[in-house]
Amino acid sequence: MGTGPWQNKIPQDLKGGPARGPKFFLPRRQRKRAFSLVELLLCIAMWSVLAGILLLSLDVGILTVKSEEAVVKPSVALRESKNIYRWLQKVMIKACIERRSFQVKYYSGYRDFIRIQWFDPLETETYRTEGRCWVAFESSKNLFYSYAPAWHTMTPAFTLKISNGQKNGQVVSRISVSPYCLVTLKEE
């Protein structure tokens, strides 16, 4: 390369210099003060892995999946069946006082909820057991369990089996609703 008049017009910091290798090998005062994209992505990846390990080790519950094979203690399921019993009594009293009809929704198999469909106005009320027990109808037929406020009757009567597991659990109690809306709890 020759030297010419154009060499004098270029400022010294733009002329370049000897090849020094990657910038992260340079002393701090010669580097730029910002992070490169690679450094930023590496830092985010490391923090994500550490946060994931921390969540899994603490078992916060954000990443846990409810197991279908979970079996709770029979005493817990029995206590929850008493809560369901009281909730059904409350529903019957509310229906009688407000003179509203409702229907108990039938679901086959064991579920961790009971759903009531109120009429006039149309509303849905759900009791969730949150896995403390599992509820199934004694009947194998898909029937409409309806309450008639004029006669204070439930047609047809039904029985709920309360179990401490969805598939492998034992039945801890049964809740029966008679045609005259008498709710009874029988412990097994």
Protein backbone atom coordinates (compact mmCIF):
# COMPACT_ATOMS: atom_id res chain seq x y z
CA MET A 1 0.00 0.00 0.00
CA GLY A 2 1.20 3.33 -0.82
CA THR A 3 0.88 6.46 1.13
CA GLY A 4 -1.03 9.25 -0.33
CA PRO A 5 -2.83 12.41 0.59
CA TRP A 6 -5.98 10.50 1.53
CA GLN A 7 -4.17 8.76 4.40
CA ASN A 8 -3.78 12.04 6.24
CA LYS A 9 -7.50 12.87 6.05
CA ILE A 10 -8.66 9.70 7.87
CA PRO A 11 -8.78 10.12 11.65
CA GLN A 12 -6.44 7.90 13.63
CA ASP A 13 -9.18 5.92 15.41
CA LEU A 14 -10.78 4.90 12.07
CA LYS A 15 -7.56 3.69 10.46
CA GLY A 16 -7.75 0.39 12.32
CA GLY A 17 -4.87 -1.36 13.89
CA PRO A 18 -3.20 -4.70 14.19
CA ALA A 19 -5.46 -7.74 14.50
CA ARG A 20 -5.95 -8.38 18.21
CA GLY A 21 -8.48 -11.25 18.22
CA PRO A 22 -11.95 -11.23 19.85
CA LYS A 23 -12.88 -8.16 21.82
CA PHE A 24 -13.58 -10.08 25.04
CA PHE A 25 -9.85 -10.87 25.28
CA LEU A 26 -9.02 -7.16 25.36
CA PRO A 27 -8.42 -5.35 28.63
CA ARG A 28 -11.55 -3.70 30.02
CA ARG A 29 -10.56 -0.14 29.15
CA GLN A 30 -10.22 -1.01 25.46
CA ARG A 31 -13.57 -2.85 25.15
CA LYS A 32 -16.96 -1.32 24.61
CA ARG A 33 -19.03 -1.11 27.78
CA ALA A 34 -22.16 -2.88 26.40
CA PHE A 35 -22.83 -6.63 26.43
CA SER A 36 -22.78 -8.56 23.19
CA LEU A 37 -25.83 -10.55 22.09
CA VAL A 38 -24.08 -13.83 22.80
CA GLU A 39 -23.25 -12.78 26.36
CA LEU A 40 -26.83 -11.63 26.94
CA LEU A 41 -28.37 -14.87 25.61
CA LEU A 42 -25.94 -16.97 27.62
CA CYS A 43 -26.86 -15.09 30.79
CA ILE A 44 -30.61 -15.48 30.14
CA ALA A 45 -30.18 -19.22 29.48
CA MET A 46 -28.22 -19.72 32.69
CA TRP A 47 -30.79 -17.84 34.79
CA SER A 48 -33.65 -19.79 33.17
CA VAL A 49 -32.02 -23.11 33.99
CA LEU A 50 -31.37 -22.02 37.59
CA ALA A 51 -34.97 -20.80 38.00
CA GLY A 52 -36.30 -24.10 36.61
CA ILE A 53 -34.17 -26.14 38.98
CA LEU A 54 -35.29 -23.98 41.90
CA LEU A 55 -38.99 -24.36 41.01
CA LEU A 56 -38.70 -28.12 40.68
CA SER A 57 -36.73 -28.49 43.90
CA LEU A 58 -39.14 -26.36 45.94
CA ASP A 59 -42.20 -28.08 44.41
CA VAL A 60 -44.06 -24.79 44.22
CA GLY A 61 -46.90 -26.41 42.35
CA ILE A 62 -46.70 -24.30 39.22
CA LEU A 63 -45.28 -27.15 37.19
CA THR A 64 -46.86 -30.07 39.03
CA VAL A 65 -49.56 -32.13 37.36
CA LYS A 66 -52.38 -33.64 39.34
CA SER A 67 -52.06 -37.41 39.21
CA GLU A 68 -55.16 -39.48 38.48
CA GLU A 69 -53.83 -42.23 40.71
CA ALA A 70 -53.58 -39.99 43.78
CA VAL A 71 -55.16 -41.54 46.85
CA VAL A 72 -55.83 -39.39 49.90
CA LYS A 73 -56.27 -40.52 53.49
CA PRO A 74 -59.76 -41.90 54.24
CA SER A 75 -60.16 -39.37 57.07
CA VAL A 76 -59.59 -36.49 54.64
CA ALA A 77 -62.11 -37.93 52.17
CA LEU A 78 -64.63 -38.48 54.97
CA ARG A 79 -64.26 -34.89 56.17
CA GLU A 80 -64.78 -33.66 52.61
CA SER A 81 -67.86 -35.87 52.24
CA LYS A 82 -69.33 -34.14 55.30
CA ASN A 83 -68.68 -30.80 53.58
CA ILE A 84 -70.48 -32.07 50.45
CA TYR A 85 -73.36 -33.23 52.66
CA ARG A 86 -73.70 -29.77 54.21
CA TRP A 87 -73.42 -28.11 50.78
CA LEU A 88 -76.24 -30.28 49.39
CA GLN A 89 -78.41 -29.43 52.42
CA LYS A 90 -77.70 -25.73 51.81
CA VAL A 91 -78.69 -26.12 48.16
CA MET A 92 -82.00 -27.77 49.14
CA ILE A 93 -82.81 -25.05 51.67
CA LYS A 94 -81.90 -22.29 49.22
CA ALA A 95 -84.10 -23.87 46.54
CA CYS A 96 -87.02 -24.18 48.95
CA ILE A 97 -86.76 -20.61 50.25
CA GLU A 98 -86.23 -19.00 46.84
CA ARG A 99 -88.67 -21.42 45.13
CA ARG A 100 -86.18 -22.12 42.35
CA SER A 101 -85.80 -25.35 40.47
CA PHE A 102 -82.43 -26.88 39.70
CA GLN A 103 -80.88 -29.91 38.13
CA VAL A 104 -77.94 -31.96 39.40
CA LYS A 105 -75.62 -32.62 36.46
CA TYR A 106 -74.72 -36.26 35.91
CA TYR A 107 -71.12 -37.18 35.03
CA SER A 108 -70.04 -40.78 34.59
CA GLY A 109 -67.11 -42.03 36.64
CA TYR A 110 -65.42 -40.38 39.58
CA ARG A 111 -65.02 -36.60 39.45
CA ASP A 112 -63.61 -34.04 41.85
CA PHE A 113 -66.64 -31.74 41.52
CA ILE A 114 -70.44 -31.65 41.68
CA ARG A 115 -72.31 -29.26 39.42
CA ILE A 116 -75.80 -27.82 39.88
CA GLN A 117 -77.70 -26.00 37.12
CA TRP A 118 -80.12 -23.45 38.58
CA PHE A 119 -83.14 -22.29 36.56
CA ASP A 120 -84.91 -18.92 36.51
CA PRO A 121 -82.39 -17.25 36.20
CA LEU A 122 -80.03 -19.72 34.57
CA GLU A 123 -76.88 -20.15 36.72
CA THR A 124 -74.32 -22.85 37.40
CA GLU A 125 -72.98 -23.64 40.86
CA THR A 126 -70.04 -26.02 41.30
CA TYR A 127 -68.64 -27.63 44.42
CA ARG A 128 -64.97 -28.52 43.89
CA THR A 129 -63.25 -31.03 46.15
CA GLU A 130 -59.76 -30.10 44.86
CA GLY A 131 -58.69 -33.75 44.96
CA ARG A 132 -59.58 -34.28 48.64
CA CYS A 133 -62.14 -36.89 47.55
CA TRP A 134 -63.79 -38.22 44.40
CA VAL A 135 -67.53 -38.25 43.72
CA ALA A 136 -69.53 -40.64 41.51
CA PHE A 137 -73.23 -41.28 41.02
CA GLU A 138 -74.45 -44.69 42.18
CA SER A 139 -76.57 -45.03 39.04
CA SER A 140 -75.04 -46.09 35.76
CA LYS A 141 -77.73 -44.37 33.69
CA ASN A 142 -77.57 -40.79 32.53
CA LEU A 143 -80.59 -39.38 34.34
CA PHE A 144 -81.76 -35.84 34.94
CA TYR A 145 -81.98 -35.29 38.69
CA SER A 146 -84.42 -32.38 38.98
CA TYR A 147 -85.82 -30.47 41.93
CA ALA A 148 -89.43 -29.24 41.77
CA PRO A 149 -90.03 -26.32 44.16
CA ALA A 150 -93.85 -26.59 44.05
CA TRP A 151 -93.77 -29.99 45.77
CA HIS A 152 -90.28 -29.83 47.31
CA THR A 153 -89.31 -33.10 45.62
CA MET A 154 -86.26 -34.48 43.86
CA THR A 155 -87.02 -36.68 40.87
CA PRO A 156 -85.50 -39.26 40.82
CA ALA A 157 -83.70 -39.75 44.10
CA PHE A 158 -79.95 -40.31 43.84
CA THR A 159 -76.94 -41.52 45.79
CA LEU A 160 -73.37 -40.24 45.55
CA LYS A 161 -70.40 -42.49 46.31
CA ILE A 162 -67.48 -40.67 47.93
CA SER A 163 -64.08 -42.29 47.39
CA ASN A 164 -60.55 -41.41 48.48
CA GLY A 165 -59.11 -42.16 45.02
CA GLN A 166 -60.28 -41.74 41.46
CA LYS A 167 -59.47 -45.26 40.24
CA ASN A 168 -57.94 -47.26 43.08
CA GLY A 169 -59.69 -45.67 46.05
CA GLN A 170 -62.12 -47.15 48.51
CA VAL A 171 -65.62 -45.81 49.08
CA VAL A 172 -65.59 -43.97 52.41
CA SER A 173 -69.20 -42.76 52.46
CA ARG A 174 -72.44 -42.44 50.53
CA ILE A 175 -74.68 -39.39 50.35
CA SER A 176 -78.33 -40.04 49.47
CA VAL A 177 -80.97 -37.54 48.47
CA SER A 178 -84.50 -38.92 48.91
CA PRO A 179 -87.49 -37.98 46.73
CA TYR A 180 -88.58 -35.63 49.56
CA CYS A 181 -85.16 -33.87 49.57
CA LEU A 182 -83.88 -35.48 52.73
CA VAL A 183 -80.07 -35.53 52.50
CA THR A 184 -78.40 -38.33 54.48
CA LEU A 185 -74.77 -39.28 54.95
CA LYS A 186 -73.78 -42.90 55.56
CA GLU A 187 -70.16 -43.63 56.49
CA GLU A 188 -68.74 -46.91 55.20
